[in-house]
Amino acid sequence: MAQVVEELRPYVLGWKAYFGMAQTPGVWRELDEWLRHRLRAIQLKHWKRPKTIYRELKVLGASQDVAKQVAGNCHRWWRNSAMLLNSALPIAYFDRMGVPRLS
């Protein structure tokens, strides 16, 4: 995940610098939400197996119910990354990884 963030960071900063003058905060907010949604899905793909997903979510502080539900639907990366995973991988998690905010 660190490699993905490292490769993504220059692009996001470039978009922010180039399009920063635009008066469209709603578009930036939606793009920011989609970007984190996509990063959550990528993280689930990296973990692959239900046992790994469950273990990693528990380490990140997710409740047992959330970890079980996400691990139970381990092949629905996009759907899981939009719902329950938001509590285990909040925006602060991506801030610590160095993902710049657009909004």
PDB file of N, CA and C in Angstrom:
ATOM      1  N   MET A   1       0.815  -1.183   0.000  1.00  0.00           N
ATOM      2  CA  MET A   1       0.000   0.000   0.000  1.00  0.00           C
ATOM      3  C   MET A   1       0.865   1.257   0.000  1.00  0.00           C
ATOM      4  N   ALA A   2       1.981   1.182   0.680  1.00  0.00           N
ATOM      5  CA  ALA A   2       2.887   2.331   0.711  1.00  0.00           C
ATOM      6  C   ALA A   2       3.391   2.664  -0.690  1.00  0.00           C
ATOM      7  N   GLN A   3       3.633   1.639  -1.503  1.00  0.00           N
ATOM      8  CA  GLN A   3       4.096   1.864  -2.874  1.00  0.00           C
ATOM      9  C   GLN A   3       3.006   2.536  -3.707  1.00  0.00           C
ATOM     10  N   VAL A   4       1.761   2.121  -3.522  1.00  0.00           N
ATOM     11  CA  VAL A   4       0.639   2.724  -4.253  1.00  0.00           C
ATOM     12  C   VAL A   4       0.524   4.206  -3.890  1.00  0.00           C
ATOM     13  N   VAL A   5       0.605   4.499  -2.609  1.00  0.00           N
ATOM     14  CA  VAL A   5       0.510   5.892  -2.148  1.00  0.00           C
ATOM     15  C   VAL A   5       1.680   6.709  -2.671  1.00  0.00           C
ATOM     16  N   GLU A   6       2.859   6.121  -2.668  1.00  0.00           N
ATOM     17  CA  GLU A   6       4.052   6.819  -3.153  1.00  0.00           C
ATOM     18  C   GLU A   6       3.930   7.181  -4.631  1.00  0.00           C
ATOM     19  N   GLU A   7       3.368   6.275  -5.433  1.00  0.00           N
ATOM     20  CA  GLU A   7       3.194   6.546  -6.860  1.00  0.00           C
ATOM     21  C   GLU A   7       2.039   7.499  -7.124  1.00  0.00           C
ATOM     22  N   LEU A   8       1.029   7.472  -6.274  1.00  0.00           N
ATOM     23  CA  LEU A   8      -0.159   8.299  -6.464  1.00  0.00           C
ATOM     24  C   LEU A   8       0.058   9.745  -6.045  1.00  0.00           C
ATOM     25  N   ARG A   9       0.860   9.958  -5.034  1.00  0.00           N
ATOM     26  CA  ARG A   9       1.052  11.279  -4.433  1.00  0.00           C
ATOM     27  C   ARG A   9       1.430  12.377  -5.430  1.00  0.00           C
ATOM     28  N   PRO A  10       2.416  12.180  -6.313  1.00  0.00           N
ATOM     29  CA  PRO A  10       2.752  13.258  -7.261  1.00  0.00           C
ATOM     30  C   PRO A  10       1.597  13.628  -8.197  1.00  0.00           C
ATOM     31  N   TYR A  11       0.825  12.640  -8.606  1.00  0.00           N
ATOM     32  CA  TYR A  11      -0.305  12.922  -9.489  1.00  0.00           C
ATOM     33  C   TYR A  11      -1.359  13.762  -8.783  1.00  0.00           C
ATOM     34  N   VAL A  12      -1.693  13.375  -7.555  1.00  0.00           N
ATOM     35  CA  VAL A  12      -2.726  14.102  -6.811  1.00  0.00           C
ATOM     36  C   VAL A  12      -2.267  15.527  -6.529  1.00  0.00           C
ATOM     37  N   LEU A  13      -1.033  15.682  -6.132  1.00  0.00           N
ATOM     38  CA  LEU A  13      -0.523  17.033  -5.881  1.00  0.00           C
ATOM     39  C   LEU A  13      -0.495  17.860  -7.159  1.00  0.00           C
ATOM     40  N   GLY A  14      -0.181  17.242  -8.278  1.00  0.00           N
ATOM     41  CA  GLY A  14      -0.196  17.944  -9.557  1.00  0.00           C
ATOM     42  C   GLY A  14      -1.591  18.377  -9.961  1.00  0.00           C
ATOM     43  N   TRP A  15      -2.569  17.487  -9.790  1.00  0.00           N
ATOM     44  CA  TRP A  15      -3.957  17.846 -10.105  1.00  0.00           C
ATOM     45  C   TRP A  15      -4.420  18.989  -9.219  1.00  0.00           C
ATOM     46  N   LYS A  16      -4.059  18.898  -7.946  1.00  0.00           N
ATOM     47  CA  LYS A  16      -4.477  19.927  -7.003  1.00  0.00           C
ATOM     48  C   LYS A  16      -3.858  21.280  -7.363  1.00  0.00           C
ATOM     49  N   ALA A  17      -2.603  21.281  -7.775  1.00  0.00           N
ATOM     50  CA  ALA A  17      -1.934  22.523  -8.149  1.00  0.00           C
ATOM     51  C   ALA A  17      -2.504  23.088  -9.454  1.00  0.00           C
ATOM     52  N   TYR A  18      -2.751  22.218 -10.421  1.00  0.00           N
ATOM     53  CA  TYR A  18      -3.207  22.688 -11.729  1.00  0.00           C
ATOM     54  C   TYR A  18      -4.660  23.162 -11.689  1.00  0.00           C
ATOM     55  N   PHE A  19      -5.526  22.368 -11.040  1.00  0.00           N
ATOM     56  CA  PHE A  19      -6.949  22.694 -11.026  1.00  0.00           C
ATOM     57  C   PHE A  19      -7.374  23.410  -9.748  1.00  0.00           C
ATOM     58  N   GLY A  20      -6.428  23.812  -8.922  1.00  0.00           N
ATOM     59  CA  GLY A  20      -6.738  24.416  -7.628  1.00  0.00           C
ATOM     60  C   GLY A  20      -7.479  25.730  -7.706  1.00  0.00           C
ATOM     61  N   MET A  21      -7.354  26.426  -8.798  1.00  0.00           N
ATOM     62  CA  MET A  21      -8.017  27.719  -8.952  1.00  0.00           C
ATOM     63  C   MET A  21      -9.509  27.587  -9.250  1.00  0.00           C
ATOM     64  N   ALA A  22      -9.950  26.410  -9.631  1.00  0.00           N
ATOM     65  CA  ALA A  22     -11.353  26.210  -9.991  1.00  0.00           C
ATOM     66  C   ALA A  22     -12.244  26.401  -8.770  1.00  0.00           C
ATOM     67  N   GLN A  23     -13.391  26.950  -8.988  1.00  0.00           N
ATOM     68  CA  GLN A  23     -14.357  27.203  -7.919  1.00  0.00           C
ATOM     69  C   GLN A  23     -15.375  26.062  -7.857  1.00  0.00           C
ATOM     70  N   THR A  24     -14.883  24.847  -7.667  1.00  0.00           N
ATOM     71  CA  THR A  24     -15.759  23.675  -7.635  1.00  0.00           C
ATOM     72  C   THR A  24     -15.426  22.787  -6.439  1.00  0.00           C
ATOM     73  N   PRO A  25     -15.760  23.230  -5.226  1.00  0.00           N
ATOM     74  CA  PRO A  25     -15.414  22.425  -4.053  1.00  0.00           C
ATOM     75  C   PRO A  25     -16.152  21.091  -4.001  1.00  0.00           C
ATOM     76  N   GLY A  26     -17.356  21.039  -4.561  1.00  0.00           N
ATOM     77  CA  GLY A  26     -18.116  19.789  -4.565  1.00  0.00           C
ATOM     78  C   GLY A  26     -17.448  18.708  -5.395  1.00  0.00           C
ATOM     79  N   VAL A  27     -16.884  19.108  -6.515  1.00  0.00           N
ATOM     80  CA  VAL A  27     -16.190  18.156  -7.385  1.00  0.00           C
ATOM     81  C   VAL A  27     -14.949  17.619  -6.680  1.00  0.00           C
ATOM     82  N   TRP A  28     -14.212  18.499  -6.011  1.00  0.00           N
ATOM     83  CA  TRP A  28     -13.017  18.070  -5.283  1.00  0.00           C
ATOM     84  C   TRP A  28     -13.382  17.092  -4.168  1.00  0.00           C
ATOM     85  N   ARG A  29     -14.471  17.381  -3.453  1.00  0.00           N
ATOM     86  CA  ARG A  29     -14.908  16.522  -2.357  1.00  0.00           C
ATOM     87  C   ARG A  29     -15.278  15.133  -2.878  1.00  0.00           C
ATOM     88  N   GLU A  30     -16.026  15.088  -3.978  1.00  0.00           N
ATOM     89  CA  GLU A  30     -16.417  13.807  -4.557  1.00  0.00           C
ATOM     90  C   GLU A  30     -15.204  13.013  -5.048  1.00  0.00           C
ATOM     91  N   LEU A  31     -14.270  13.707  -5.666  1.00  0.00           N
ATOM     92  CA  LEU A  31     -13.056  13.041  -6.140  1.00  0.00           C
ATOM     93  C   LEU A  31     -12.223  12.517  -4.964  1.00  0.00           C
ATOM     94  N   ASP A  32     -12.180  13.285  -3.895  1.00  0.00           N
ATOM     95  CA  ASP A  32     -11.466  12.861  -2.691  1.00  0.00           C
ATOM     96  C   ASP A  32     -12.113  11.615  -2.082  1.00  0.00           C
ATOM     97  N   GLU A  33     -13.439  11.591  -2.028  1.00  0.00           N
ATOM     98  CA  GLU A  33     -14.155  10.427  -1.503  1.00  0.00           C
ATOM     99  C   GLU A  33     -13.910   9.209  -2.382  1.00  0.00           C
ATOM    100  N   TRP A  34     -13.959   9.404  -3.702  1.00  0.00           N
ATOM    101  CA  TRP A  34     -13.751   8.278  -4.611  1.00  0.00           C
ATOM    102  C   TRP A  34     -12.331   7.736  -4.485  1.00  0.00           C
ATOM    103  N   LEU A  35     -11.369   8.625  -4.344  1.00  0.00           N
ATOM    104  CA  LEU A  35      -9.973   8.205  -4.225  1.00  0.00           C
ATOM    105  C   LEU A  35      -9.763   7.324  -2.992  1.00  0.00           C
ATOM    106  N   ARG A  36     -10.311   7.729  -1.854  1.00  0.00           N
ATOM    107  CA  ARG A  36     -10.180   6.918  -0.649  1.00  0.00           C
ATOM    108  C   ARG A  36     -10.958   5.616  -0.756  1.00  0.00           C
ATOM    109  N   HIS A  37     -12.104   5.661  -1.414  1.00  0.00           N
ATOM    110  CA  HIS A  37     -12.876   4.443  -1.672  1.00  0.00           C
ATOM    111  C   HIS A  37     -12.035   3.451  -2.479  1.00  0.00           C
ATOM    112  N   ARG A  38     -11.384   3.948  -3.496  1.00  0.00           N
ATOM    113  CA  ARG A  38     -10.539   3.097  -4.341  1.00  0.00           C
ATOM    114  C   ARG A  38      -9.343   2.546  -3.556  1.00  0.00           C
ATOM    115  N   LEU A  39      -8.736   3.364  -2.716  1.00  0.00           N
ATOM    116  CA  LEU A  39      -7.604   2.904  -1.917  1.00  0.00           C
ATOM    117  C   LEU A  39      -8.031   1.826  -0.913  1.00  0.00           C
ATOM    118  N   ARG A  40      -9.236   1.965  -0.359  1.00  0.00           N
ATOM    119  CA  ARG A  40      -9.740   0.915   0.538  1.00  0.00           C
ATOM    120  C   ARG A  40      -9.932  -0.389  -0.222  1.00  0.00           C
ATOM    121  N   ALA A  41     -10.461  -0.314  -1.426  1.00  0.00           N
ATOM    122  CA  ALA A  41     -10.647  -1.521  -2.245  1.00  0.00           C
ATOM    123  C   ALA A  41      -9.294  -2.155  -2.576  1.00  0.00           C
ATOM    124  N   ILE A  42      -8.311  -1.352  -2.891  1.00  0.00           N
ATOM    125  CA  ILE A  42      -6.969  -1.877  -3.181  1.00  0.00           C
ATOM    126  C   ILE A  42      -6.393  -2.568  -1.951  1.00  0.00           C
ATOM    127  N   GLN A  43      -6.620  -1.977  -0.772  1.00  0.00           N
ATOM    128  CA  GLN A  43      -6.119  -2.600   0.454  1.00  0.00           C
ATOM    129  C   GLN A  43      -6.756  -3.966   0.667  1.00  0.00           C
ATOM    130  N   LEU A  44      -8.052  -4.086   0.427  1.00  0.00           N
ATOM    131  CA  LEU A  44      -8.716  -5.390   0.552  1.00  0.00           C
ATOM    132  C   LEU A  44      -8.158  -6.386  -0.452  1.00  0.00           C
ATOM    133  N   LYS A  45      -7.885  -5.946  -1.667  1.00  0.00           N
ATOM    134  CA  LYS A  45      -7.301  -6.840  -2.671  1.00  0.00           C
ATOM    135  C   LYS A  45      -5.930  -7.327  -2.240  1.00  0.00           C
ATOM    136  N   HIS A  46      -5.169  -6.475  -1.574  1.00  0.00           N
ATOM    137  CA  HIS A  46      -3.841  -6.864  -1.109  1.00  0.00           C
ATOM    138  C   HIS A  46      -3.926  -7.928  -0.015  1.00  0.00           C
ATOM    139  N   TRP A  47      -4.932  -7.828   0.845  1.00  0.00           N
ATOM    140  CA  TRP A  47      -5.070  -8.787   1.932  1.00  0.00           C
ATOM    141  C   TRP A  47      -5.585 -10.139   1.457  1.00  0.00           C
ATOM    142  N   LYS A  48      -6.348 -10.180   0.357  1.00  0.00           N
ATOM    143  CA  LYS A  48      -6.828 -11.365  -0.349  1.00  0.00           C
ATOM    144  C   LYS A  48      -7.731 -12.296   0.451  1.00  0.00           C
ATOM    145  N   ARG A  49      -7.235 -12.978   1.456  1.00  0.00           N
ATOM    146  CA  ARG A  49      -7.955 -14.070   2.116  1.00  0.00           C
ATOM    147  C   ARG A  49      -8.754 -13.572   3.320  1.00  0.00           C
ATOM    148  N   PRO A  50      -9.866 -14.253   3.618  1.00  0.00           N
ATOM    149  CA  PRO A  50     -10.698 -13.834   4.756  1.00  0.00           C
ATOM    150  C   PRO A  50      -9.952 -13.801   6.092  1.00  0.00           C
ATOM    151  N   LYS A  51      -9.095 -14.785   6.337  1.00  0.00           N
ATOM    152  CA  LYS A  51      -8.352 -14.796   7.606  1.00  0.00           C
ATOM    153  C   LYS A  51      -7.430 -13.582   7.713  1.00  0.00           C
ATOM    154  N   THR A  52      -6.788 -13.252   6.624  1.00  0.00           N
ATOM    155  CA  THR A  52      -5.885 -12.100   6.622  1.00  0.00           C
ATOM    156  C   THR A  52      -6.673 -10.810   6.804  1.00  0.00           C
ATOM    157  N   ILE A  53      -7.804 -10.698   6.108  1.00  0.00           N
ATOM    158  CA  ILE A  53      -8.641  -9.500   6.232  1.00  0.00           C
ATOM    159  C   ILE A  53      -9.103  -9.338   7.673  1.00  0.00           C
ATOM    160  N   TYR A  54      -9.586 -10.417   8.271  1.00  0.00           N
ATOM    161  CA  TYR A  54     -10.065 -10.369   9.647  1.00  0.00           C
ATOM    162  C   TYR A  54      -8.939  -9.957  10.598  1.00  0.00           C
ATOM    163  N   ARG A  55      -7.789 -10.580  10.468  1.00  0.00           N
ATOM    164  CA  ARG A  55      -6.654 -10.296  11.345  1.00  0.00           C
ATOM    165  C   ARG A  55      -6.203  -8.836  11.223  1.00  0.00           C
ATOM    166  N   GLU A  56      -6.066  -8.364   9.995  1.00  0.00           N
ATOM    167  CA  GLU A  56      -5.590  -6.991   9.782  1.00  0.00           C
ATOM    168  C   GLU A  56      -6.598  -5.959  10.270  1.00  0.00           C
ATOM    169  N   LEU A  57      -7.878  -6.217  10.082  1.00  0.00           N
ATOM    170  CA  LEU A  57      -8.886  -5.275  10.569  1.00  0.00           C
ATOM    171  C   LEU A  57      -8.906  -5.218  12.091  1.00  0.00           C
ATOM    172  N   LYS A  58      -8.718  -6.355  12.732  1.00  0.00           N
ATOM    173  CA  LYS A  58      -8.657  -6.365  14.197  1.00  0.00           C
ATOM    174  C   LYS A  58      -7.437  -5.580  14.687  1.00  0.00           C
ATOM    175  N   VAL A  59      -6.307  -5.715  13.979  1.00  0.00           N
ATOM    176  CA  VAL A  59      -5.107  -4.955  14.350  1.00  0.00           C
ATOM    177  C   VAL A  59      -5.356  -3.455  14.210  1.00  0.00           C
ATOM    178  N   LEU A  60      -6.127  -3.061  13.195  1.00  0.00           N
ATOM    179  CA  LEU A  60      -6.422  -1.645  12.971  1.00  0.00           C
ATOM    180  C   LEU A  60      -7.482  -1.100  13.918  1.00  0.00           C
ATOM    181  N   GLY A  61      -8.082  -1.977  14.737  1.00  0.00           N
ATOM    182  CA  GLY A  61      -9.035  -1.510  15.738  1.00  0.00           C
ATOM    183  C   GLY A  61     -10.491  -1.667  15.362  1.00  0.00           C
ATOM    184  N   ALA A  62     -10.796  -2.432  14.335  1.00  0.00           N
ATOM    185  CA  ALA A  62     -12.188  -2.648  13.951  1.00  0.00           C
ATOM    186  C   ALA A  62     -12.852  -3.589  14.953  1.00  0.00           C
ATOM    187  N   SER A  63     -14.154  -3.439  15.128  1.00  0.00           N
ATOM    188  CA  SER A  63     -14.874  -4.341  16.021  1.00  0.00           C
ATOM    189  C   SER A  63     -14.926  -5.736  15.406  1.00  0.00           C
ATOM    190  N   GLN A  64     -15.230  -6.699  16.242  1.00  0.00           N
ATOM    191  CA  GLN A  64     -15.274  -8.085  15.770  1.00  0.00           C
ATOM    192  C   GLN A  64     -16.366  -8.270  14.727  1.00  0.00           C
ATOM    193  N   ASP A  65     -17.515  -7.620  14.920  1.00  0.00           N
ATOM    194  CA  ASP A  65     -18.615  -7.743  13.959  1.00  0.00           C
ATOM    195  C   ASP A  65     -18.245  -7.184  12.588  1.00  0.00           C
ATOM    196  N   VAL A  66     -17.614  -6.010  12.585  1.00  0.00           N
ATOM    197  CA  VAL A  66     -17.208  -5.389  11.325  1.00  0.00           C
ATOM    198  C   VAL A  66     -16.180  -6.269  10.620  1.00  0.00           C
ATOM    199  N   ALA A  67     -15.194  -6.748  11.367  1.00  0.00           N
ATOM    200  CA  ALA A  67     -14.147  -7.579  10.773  1.00  0.00           C
ATOM    201  C   ALA A  67     -14.730  -8.862  10.197  1.00  0.00           C
ATOM    202  N   LYS A  68     -15.692  -9.474  10.890  1.00  0.00           N
ATOM    203  CA  LYS A  68     -16.327 -10.704  10.385  1.00  0.00           C
ATOM    204  C   LYS A  68     -17.126 -10.444   9.117  1.00  0.00           C
ATOM    205  N   GLN A  69     -17.880  -9.359   9.097  1.00  0.00           N
ATOM    206  CA  GLN A  69     -18.707  -9.062   7.924  1.00  0.00           C
ATOM    207  C   GLN A  69     -17.853  -8.753   6.697  1.00  0.00           C
ATOM    208  N   VAL A  70     -16.805  -7.983   6.880  1.00  0.00           N
ATOM    209  CA  VAL A  70     -15.940  -7.648   5.748  1.00  0.00           C
ATOM    210  C   VAL A  70     -15.203  -8.895   5.272  1.00  0.00           C
ATOM    211  N   ALA A  71     -14.696  -9.692   6.194  1.00  0.00           N
ATOM    212  CA  ALA A  71     -13.980 -10.916   5.813  1.00  0.00           C
ATOM    213  C   ALA A  71     -14.922 -11.929   5.165  1.00  0.00           C
ATOM    214  N   GLY A  72     -16.175 -11.945   5.584  1.00  0.00           N
ATOM    215  CA  GLY A  72     -17.147 -12.861   4.989  1.00  0.00           C
ATOM    216  C   GLY A  72     -17.457 -12.540   3.538  1.00  0.00           C
ATOM    217  N   ASN A  73     -17.365 -11.288   3.178  1.00  0.00           N
ATOM    218  CA  ASN A  73     -17.586 -10.857   1.787  1.00  0.00           C
ATOM    219  C   ASN A  73     -16.253 -10.491   1.153  1.00  0.00           C
ATOM    220  N   CYS A  74     -15.274 -11.345   1.291  1.00  0.00           N
ATOM    221  CA  CYS A  74     -13.903 -10.987   0.913  1.00  0.00           C
ATOM    222  C   CYS A  74     -13.716 -10.722  -0.579  1.00  0.00           C
ATOM    223  N   HIS A  75     -14.603 -11.221  -1.422  1.00  0.00           N
ATOM    224  CA  HIS A  75     -14.419 -11.014  -2.865  1.00  0.00           C
ATOM    225  C   HIS A  75     -15.232  -9.846  -3.399  1.00  0.00           C
ATOM    226  N   ARG A  76     -15.883  -9.114  -2.526  1.00  0.00           N
ATOM    227  CA  ARG A  76     -16.642  -7.932  -2.930  1.00  0.00           C
ATOM    228  C   ARG A  76     -15.890  -6.695  -2.469  1.00  0.00           C
ATOM    229  N   TRP A  77     -14.744  -6.463  -3.096  1.00  0.00           N
ATOM    230  CA  TRP A  77     -13.853  -5.402  -2.657  1.00  0.00           C
ATOM    231  C   TRP A  77     -14.502  -4.029  -2.755  1.00  0.00           C
ATOM    232  N   TRP A  78     -15.120  -3.730  -3.868  1.00  0.00           N
ATOM    233  CA  TRP A  78     -15.672  -2.395  -4.070  1.00  0.00           C
ATOM    234  C   TRP A  78     -16.830  -2.134  -3.114  1.00  0.00           C
ATOM    235  N   ARG A  79     -17.696  -3.110  -2.932  1.00  0.00           N
ATOM    236  CA  ARG A  79     -18.837  -2.938  -2.038  1.00  0.00           C
ATOM    237  C   ARG A  79     -18.381  -2.799  -0.592  1.00  0.00           C
ATOM    238  N   ASN A  80     -17.465  -3.635  -0.151  1.00  0.00           N
ATOM    239  CA  ASN A  80     -16.969  -3.559   1.219  1.00  0.00           C
ATOM    240  C   ASN A  80     -16.238  -2.252   1.491  1.00  0.00           C
ATOM    241  N   SER A  81     -15.552  -1.744   0.502  1.00  0.00           N
ATOM    242  CA  SER A  81     -14.783  -0.524   0.716  1.00  0.00           C
ATOM    243  C   SER A  81     -15.681   0.702   0.824  1.00  0.00           C
ATOM    244  N   ALA A  82     -16.951   0.568   0.482  1.00  0.00           N
ATOM    245  CA  ALA A  82     -17.865   1.699   0.552  1.00  0.00           C
ATOM    246  C   ALA A  82     -18.659   1.729   1.851  1.00  0.00           C
ATOM    247  N   MET A  83     -18.710   0.617   2.566  1.00  0.00           N
ATOM    248  CA  MET A  83     -19.601   0.572   3.725  1.00  0.00           C
ATOM    249  C   MET A  83     -18.842   0.443   5.040  1.00  0.00           C
ATOM    250  N   LEU A  84     -18.679  -0.754   5.493  1.00  0.00           N
ATOM    251  CA  LEU A  84     -18.152  -1.010   6.829  1.00  0.00           C
ATOM    252  C   LEU A  84     -16.675  -0.664   6.974  1.00  0.00           C
ATOM    253  N   LEU A  85     -15.956  -0.699   5.908  1.00  0.00           N
ATOM    254  CA  LEU A  85     -14.514  -0.473   5.978  1.00  0.00           C
ATOM    255  C   LEU A  85     -14.166   0.978   6.311  1.00  0.00           C
ATOM    256  N   ASN A  86     -15.115   1.894   6.123  1.00  0.00           N
ATOM    257  CA  ASN A  86     -14.862   3.303   6.437  1.00  0.00           C
ATOM    258  C   ASN A  86     -14.520   3.507   7.908  1.00  0.00           C
ATOM    259  N   SER A  87     -15.088   2.670   8.786  1.00  0.00           N
ATOM    260  CA  SER A  87     -14.797   2.829  10.212  1.00  0.00           C
ATOM    261  C   SER A  87     -13.418   2.291  10.567  1.00  0.00           C
ATOM    262  N   ALA A  88     -12.954   1.265   9.862  1.00  0.00           N
ATOM    263  CA  ALA A  88     -11.640   0.683  10.150  1.00  0.00           C
ATOM    264  C   ALA A  88     -10.507   1.436   9.448  1.00  0.00           C
ATOM    265  N   LEU A  89     -10.785   1.966   8.267  1.00  0.00           N
ATOM    266  CA  LEU A  89      -9.782   2.724   7.503  1.00  0.00           C
ATOM    267  C   LEU A  89     -10.306   4.144   7.261  1.00  0.00           C
ATOM    268  N   PRO A  90     -10.326   4.977   8.293  1.00  0.00           N
ATOM    269  CA  PRO A  90     -10.858   6.341   8.125  1.00  0.00           C
ATOM    270  C   PRO A  90      -9.878   7.233   7.364  1.00  0.00           C
ATOM    271  N   ILE A  91     -10.285   8.460   7.166  1.00  0.00           N
ATOM    272  CA  ILE A  91      -9.447   9.421   6.446  1.00  0.00           C
ATOM    273  C   ILE A  91      -8.113   9.620   7.168  1.00  0.00           C
ATOM    274  N   ALA A  92      -8.135   9.574   8.493  1.00  0.00           N
ATOM    275  CA  ALA A  92      -6.898   9.753   9.267  1.00  0.00           C
ATOM    276  C   ALA A  92      -5.873   8.669   8.939  1.00  0.00           C
ATOM    277  N   TYR A  93      -6.326   7.469   8.629  1.00  0.00           N
ATOM    278  CA  TYR A  93      -5.428   6.374   8.247  1.00  0.00           C
ATOM    279  C   TYR A  93      -4.652   6.749   6.990  1.00  0.00           C
ATOM    280  N   PHE A  94      -5.353   7.321   6.011  1.00  0.00           N
ATOM    281  CA  PHE A  94      -4.699   7.712   4.761  1.00  0.00           C
ATOM    282  C   PHE A  94      -3.848   8.969   4.944  1.00  0.00           C
ATOM    283  N   ASP A  95      -4.235   9.840   5.868  1.00  0.00           N
ATOM    284  CA  ASP A  95      -3.399  11.000   6.183  1.00  0.00           C
ATOM    285  C   ASP A  95      -2.050  10.551   6.739  1.00  0.00           C
ATOM    286  N   ARG A  96      -2.070   9.538   7.613  1.00  0.00           N
ATOM    287  CA  ARG A  96      -0.813   9.022   8.170  1.00  0.00           C
ATOM    288  C   ARG A  96       0.048   8.373   7.103  1.00  0.00           C
ATOM    289  N   MET A  97      -0.585   7.815   6.074  1.00  0.00           N
ATOM    290  CA  MET A  97       0.169   7.190   4.993  1.00  0.00           C
ATOM    291  C   MET A  97       0.743   8.219   4.026  1.00  0.00           C
ATOM    292  N   GLY A  98       0.228   9.450   4.075  1.00  0.00           N
ATOM    293  CA  GLY A  98       0.756  10.510   3.229  1.00  0.00           C
ATOM    294  C   GLY A  98      -0.072  10.810   1.995  1.00  0.00           C
ATOM    295  N   VAL A  99      -1.323  10.347   1.951  1.00  0.00           N
ATOM    296  CA  VAL A  99      -2.201  10.659   0.818  1.00  0.00           C
ATOM    297  C   VAL A  99      -2.711  12.091   0.994  1.00  0.00           C
ATOM    298  N   PRO A 100      -2.423  12.975   0.041  1.00  0.00           N
ATOM    299  CA  PRO A 100      -2.880  14.373   0.188  1.00  0.00           C
ATOM    300  C   PRO A 100      -4.389  14.487  -0.014  1.00  0.00           C
ATOM    301  N   ARG A 101      -4.977  15.410   0.703  1.00  0.00           N
ATOM    302  CA  ARG A 101      -6.414  15.675   0.565  1.00  0.00           C
ATOM    303  C   ARG A 101      -6.636  16.647  -0.586  1.00  0.00           C
ATOM    304  N   LEU A 102      -7.717  16.417  -1.311  1.00  0.00           N
ATOM    305  CA  LEU A 102      -8.060  17.320  -2.400  1.00  0.00           C
ATOM    306  C   LEU A 102      -9.023  18.415  -1.951  1.00  0.00           C
ATOM    307  N   SER A 103      -9.845  18.102  -0.969  1.00  0.00           N
ATOM    308  CA  SER A 103     -10.827  19.085  -0.524  1.00  0.00           C
ATOM    309  C   SER A 103     -10.410  19.776   0.749  1.00  0.00           C
TER     310      SER A 103
END
